[in-house]
């Protein structure tokens, strides 16, 4: 089943993941903002209003060393050759005994 999310829902999930990791690492919100090199008001806007630039979101993931979360964003789609696509559409021939 394909699950579709709105941009707001994705940011809500990012807030949850980042805040959880921040607490695990025993960082205060101000400390994380400083470590990520973003202004503290920008971090508060992310947490409470769910608004952030893509660049600042990446900075937060990097500051928390959450590189696996970034890998999904950069994953290239596997492309097939035209011949592979044509062959996938063909059904195997029935074998009679």
N, C-alpha and C. Protein backbone atom coordinates (compact mmCIF):
# COMPACT_ATOMS: atom_id res chain seq x y z
N UNK A 1 0.84 -1.19 0.00
CA UNK A 1 0.00 0.00 0.00
C UNK A 1 0.88 1.24 0.00
N UNK A 2 0.55 2.18 -0.82
CA UNK A 2 1.31 3.43 -0.91
C UNK A 2 0.69 4.44 0.06
N UNK A 3 1.54 5.01 0.88
CA UNK A 3 1.07 6.03 1.79
C UNK A 3 1.55 7.38 1.29
N UNK A 4 0.63 8.30 1.16
CA UNK A 4 0.96 9.64 0.71
C UNK A 4 0.82 10.61 1.88
N UNK A 5 1.77 11.50 2.00
CA UNK A 5 1.75 12.48 3.07
C UNK A 5 1.78 13.88 2.48
N UNK A 6 1.20 14.81 3.19
CA UNK A 6 1.31 16.21 2.80
C UNK A 6 2.66 16.72 3.28
N UNK A 7 3.16 17.81 2.71
CA UNK A 7 4.42 18.38 3.21
C UNK A 7 4.36 18.69 4.71
N UNK A 8 3.23 19.17 5.18
CA UNK A 8 3.06 19.48 6.61
C UNK A 8 3.22 18.22 7.46
N UNK A 9 2.64 17.11 7.01
CA UNK A 9 2.76 15.85 7.75
C UNK A 9 4.20 15.34 7.78
N UNK A 10 4.91 15.54 6.69
CA UNK A 10 6.33 15.14 6.64
C UNK A 10 7.15 15.97 7.61
N UNK A 11 6.87 17.27 7.66
CA UNK A 11 7.59 18.14 8.60
C UNK A 11 7.24 17.76 10.03
N UNK A 12 5.98 17.43 10.30
CA UNK A 12 5.60 16.97 11.64
C UNK A 12 6.42 15.74 12.05
N UNK A 13 6.59 14.81 11.12
CA UNK A 13 7.39 13.62 11.40
C UNK A 13 8.84 13.99 11.65
N UNK A 14 9.37 14.94 10.87
CA UNK A 14 10.75 15.39 11.05
C UNK A 14 10.92 16.04 12.43
N UNK A 15 9.95 16.84 12.85
CA UNK A 15 10.01 17.46 14.18
C UNK A 15 10.08 16.37 15.25
N UNK A 16 9.23 15.37 15.12
CA UNK A 16 9.20 14.28 16.10
C UNK A 16 10.54 13.54 16.16
N UNK A 17 11.08 13.21 15.00
CA UNK A 17 12.35 12.48 14.93
C UNK A 17 13.49 13.32 15.50
N UNK A 18 13.55 14.58 15.12
CA UNK A 18 14.64 15.46 15.56
C UNK A 18 14.54 15.76 17.05
N UNK A 19 13.35 16.05 17.53
CA UNK A 19 13.18 16.33 18.96
C UNK A 19 13.51 15.10 19.81
N UNK A 20 13.11 13.93 19.36
CA UNK A 20 13.43 12.69 20.09
C UNK A 20 14.94 12.49 20.17
N UNK A 21 15.61 12.65 19.04
CA UNK A 21 17.06 12.47 19.01
C UNK A 21 17.77 13.55 19.84
N UNK A 22 17.26 14.76 19.80
CA UNK A 22 17.85 15.85 20.60
C UNK A 22 17.81 15.49 22.08
N UNK A 23 16.67 14.97 22.51
CA UNK A 23 16.53 14.59 23.93
C UNK A 23 17.42 13.40 24.28
N UNK A 24 17.54 12.45 23.38
CA UNK A 24 18.43 11.30 23.61
C UNK A 24 19.87 11.77 23.79
N UNK A 25 20.26 12.77 23.01
CA UNK A 25 21.62 13.30 23.08
C UNK A 25 21.79 14.35 24.19
N UNK A 26 20.75 14.56 24.97
CA UNK A 26 20.77 15.49 26.10
C UNK A 26 21.18 16.91 25.68
N UNK A 27 20.62 17.35 24.58
CA UNK A 27 20.86 18.71 24.10
C UNK A 27 19.64 19.58 24.35
N UNK A 28 19.87 20.82 24.72
CA UNK A 28 18.79 21.77 24.80
C UNK A 28 18.52 22.30 23.40
N UNK A 29 17.34 22.87 23.19
CA UNK A 29 16.99 23.38 21.87
C UNK A 29 18.00 24.43 21.41
N UNK A 30 18.41 25.32 22.31
CA UNK A 30 19.39 26.35 21.94
C UNK A 30 20.72 25.73 21.54
N UNK A 31 21.13 24.69 22.24
CA UNK A 31 22.40 24.02 21.93
C UNK A 31 22.35 23.39 20.54
N UNK A 32 21.23 22.76 20.22
CA UNK A 32 21.10 22.13 18.91
C UNK A 32 21.11 23.19 17.81
N UNK A 33 20.39 24.27 18.02
CA UNK A 33 20.37 25.35 17.03
C UNK A 33 21.78 25.89 16.79
N UNK A 34 22.53 26.06 17.86
CA UNK A 34 23.91 26.55 17.74
C UNK A 34 24.78 25.53 17.01
N UNK A 35 24.63 24.27 17.38
CA UNK A 35 25.41 23.20 16.74
C UNK A 35 25.08 23.09 15.25
N UNK A 36 23.83 23.33 14.89
CA UNK A 36 23.40 23.24 13.48
C UNK A 36 23.64 24.54 12.73
N UNK A 37 24.10 25.56 13.43
CA UNK A 37 24.37 26.87 12.83
C UNK A 37 23.11 27.49 12.22
N UNK A 38 22.02 27.40 12.99
CA UNK A 38 20.79 28.08 12.59
C UNK A 38 20.34 28.96 13.76
N UNK A 39 19.69 30.08 13.50
CA UNK A 39 19.22 30.94 14.59
C UNK A 39 18.19 30.21 15.46
N UNK A 40 18.25 30.46 16.76
CA UNK A 40 17.30 29.80 17.67
C UNK A 40 15.84 30.09 17.31
N UNK A 41 15.48 31.35 16.94
CA UNK A 41 14.08 31.59 16.53
C UNK A 41 13.65 30.72 15.33
N UNK A 42 14.59 30.43 14.45
CA UNK A 42 14.30 29.56 13.30
C UNK A 42 13.98 28.15 13.78
N UNK A 43 14.75 27.68 14.77
CA UNK A 43 14.50 26.35 15.33
C UNK A 43 13.13 26.31 16.01
N UNK A 44 12.80 27.34 16.78
CA UNK A 44 11.49 27.39 17.44
C UNK A 44 10.36 27.41 16.42
N UNK A 45 10.56 28.13 15.33
CA UNK A 45 9.54 28.18 14.27
C UNK A 45 9.34 26.78 13.68
N UNK A 46 10.43 26.04 13.53
CA UNK A 46 10.35 24.66 13.04
C UNK A 46 9.54 23.79 14.00
N UNK A 47 9.81 23.90 15.28
CA UNK A 47 9.15 23.05 16.27
C UNK A 47 7.67 23.41 16.43
N UNK A 48 7.37 24.69 16.51
CA UNK A 48 6.00 25.10 16.86
C UNK A 48 5.12 25.45 15.66
N UNK A 49 5.71 25.98 14.59
CA UNK A 49 4.91 26.36 13.43
C UNK A 49 5.11 25.42 12.25
N UNK A 50 6.03 24.48 12.40
CA UNK A 50 6.32 23.47 11.37
C UNK A 50 6.76 24.11 10.06
N UNK A 51 7.62 25.13 10.17
CA UNK A 51 8.15 25.80 8.97
C UNK A 51 9.67 25.81 9.07
N UNK A 52 10.32 25.37 7.97
CA UNK A 52 11.78 25.35 7.94
C UNK A 52 12.23 25.24 6.49
N UNK A 53 13.40 25.80 6.21
CA UNK A 53 13.94 25.63 4.87
C UNK A 53 14.57 24.25 4.76
N UNK A 54 14.69 23.78 3.55
CA UNK A 54 15.31 22.47 3.31
C UNK A 54 16.75 22.47 3.81
N UNK A 55 17.47 23.56 3.56
CA UNK A 55 18.87 23.67 4.00
C UNK A 55 18.98 23.54 5.52
N UNK A 56 18.12 24.23 6.26
CA UNK A 56 18.18 24.18 7.71
C UNK A 56 17.77 22.81 8.24
N UNK A 57 16.85 22.16 7.57
CA UNK A 57 16.47 20.81 7.98
C UNK A 57 17.67 19.86 7.83
N UNK A 58 18.39 19.99 6.74
CA UNK A 58 19.59 19.16 6.53
C UNK A 58 20.63 19.47 7.60
N UNK A 59 20.81 20.74 7.93
CA UNK A 59 21.76 21.12 8.97
C UNK A 59 21.43 20.45 10.31
N UNK A 60 20.14 20.36 10.62
CA UNK A 60 19.73 19.73 11.87
C UNK A 60 20.06 18.24 11.86
N UNK A 61 19.75 17.56 10.76
CA UNK A 61 20.08 16.13 10.66
C UNK A 61 21.58 15.92 10.78
N UNK A 62 22.38 16.77 10.16
CA UNK A 62 23.84 16.64 10.22
C UNK A 62 24.33 16.90 11.64
N UNK A 63 23.81 17.93 12.28
CA UNK A 63 24.23 18.27 13.65
C UNK A 63 23.95 17.12 14.62
N UNK A 64 22.87 16.39 14.37
CA UNK A 64 22.52 15.25 15.23
C UNK A 64 23.16 13.95 14.74
N UNK A 65 23.93 14.04 13.66
CA UNK A 65 24.61 12.88 13.07
C UNK A 65 23.61 11.80 12.64
N UNK A 66 22.52 12.25 12.06
CA UNK A 66 21.46 11.34 11.59
C UNK A 66 21.58 11.19 10.07
N UNK A 67 22.72 10.66 9.65
CA UNK A 67 23.03 10.57 8.23
C UNK A 67 22.12 9.59 7.49
N UNK A 68 21.66 8.55 8.17
CA UNK A 68 20.77 7.58 7.52
C UNK A 68 19.47 8.23 7.06
N UNK A 69 19.01 9.22 7.80
CA UNK A 69 17.79 9.91 7.42
C UNK A 69 17.98 10.70 6.13
N UNK A 70 19.20 11.14 5.87
CA UNK A 70 19.49 11.88 4.65
C UNK A 70 19.69 10.97 3.46
N UNK A 71 20.13 9.75 3.70
CA UNK A 71 20.39 8.81 2.60
C UNK A 71 19.13 8.55 1.79
N UNK A 72 17.98 8.49 2.45
CA UNK A 72 16.73 8.25 1.74
C UNK A 72 16.39 9.37 0.78
N UNK A 73 16.81 10.58 1.11
CA UNK A 73 16.55 11.72 0.23
C UNK A 73 17.40 11.66 -1.03
N UNK A 74 18.56 11.05 -0.90
CA UNK A 74 19.52 11.05 -2.00
C UNK A 74 19.55 9.74 -2.77
N UNK A 75 18.67 8.82 -2.41
CA UNK A 75 18.65 7.51 -3.06
C UNK A 75 18.19 7.64 -4.51
N UNK A 76 19.02 7.14 -5.40
CA UNK A 76 18.68 7.18 -6.82
C UNK A 76 17.73 6.03 -7.15
N UNK A 77 16.83 6.30 -8.03
CA UNK A 77 15.88 5.29 -8.46
C UNK A 77 16.58 4.33 -9.42
N UNK A 78 16.30 3.04 -9.27
CA UNK A 78 16.87 2.06 -10.18
C UNK A 78 16.17 2.15 -11.52
N UNK A 79 16.94 2.33 -12.57
CA UNK A 79 16.40 2.44 -13.91
C UNK A 79 16.68 1.15 -14.67
N UNK A 80 15.71 0.73 -15.43
CA UNK A 80 15.86 -0.46 -16.25
C UNK A 80 16.09 -0.06 -17.70
N UNK A 81 16.70 -0.97 -18.42
CA UNK A 81 16.85 -0.73 -19.85
C UNK A 81 15.51 -0.99 -20.52
N UNK A 82 15.36 -0.52 -21.72
CA UNK A 82 14.13 -0.73 -22.48
C UNK A 82 13.87 -2.22 -22.69
N UNK A 83 14.92 -2.99 -22.96
CA UNK A 83 14.78 -4.43 -23.15
C UNK A 83 14.28 -5.12 -21.88
N UNK A 84 14.77 -4.70 -20.71
CA UNK A 84 14.32 -5.29 -19.45
C UNK A 84 12.84 -5.00 -19.20
N UNK A 85 12.41 -3.80 -19.55
CA UNK A 85 11.00 -3.44 -19.39
C UNK A 85 10.13 -4.27 -20.32
N UNK A 86 10.56 -4.44 -21.57
CA UNK A 86 9.81 -5.24 -22.53
C UNK A 86 9.70 -6.69 -22.08
N UNK A 87 10.78 -7.23 -21.56
CA UNK A 87 10.80 -8.62 -21.12
C UNK A 87 9.91 -8.83 -19.88
N UNK A 88 9.82 -7.85 -19.03
CA UNK A 88 9.00 -7.96 -17.82
C UNK A 88 7.52 -8.05 -18.17
N UNK A 89 7.13 -7.43 -19.28
CA UNK A 89 5.73 -7.44 -19.69
C UNK A 89 5.31 -8.77 -20.33
N UNK A 90 6.26 -9.55 -20.78
CA UNK A 90 5.94 -10.81 -21.43
C UNK A 90 5.71 -11.90 -20.40
N UNK A 91 4.66 -12.64 -20.60
CA UNK A 91 4.37 -13.77 -19.71
C UNK A 91 5.17 -14.98 -20.16
N UNK A 92 5.60 -15.80 -19.23
CA UNK A 92 6.32 -17.01 -19.64
C UNK A 92 5.39 -17.93 -20.43
N UNK A 93 5.96 -18.63 -21.38
CA UNK A 93 5.16 -19.55 -22.18
C UNK A 93 4.77 -20.76 -21.35
N UNK A 94 3.58 -21.24 -21.60
CA UNK A 94 3.08 -22.39 -20.89
C UNK A 94 3.75 -23.65 -21.41
N UNK A 95 4.14 -24.49 -20.50
CA UNK A 95 4.79 -25.74 -20.88
C UNK A 95 3.76 -26.85 -20.80
N UNK A 96 3.57 -27.56 -21.95
CA UNK A 96 2.64 -28.70 -21.98
C UNK A 96 3.41 -29.97 -21.75
N UNK A 97 2.84 -30.86 -21.02
CA UNK A 97 3.49 -32.15 -20.78
C UNK A 97 2.92 -33.22 -21.67
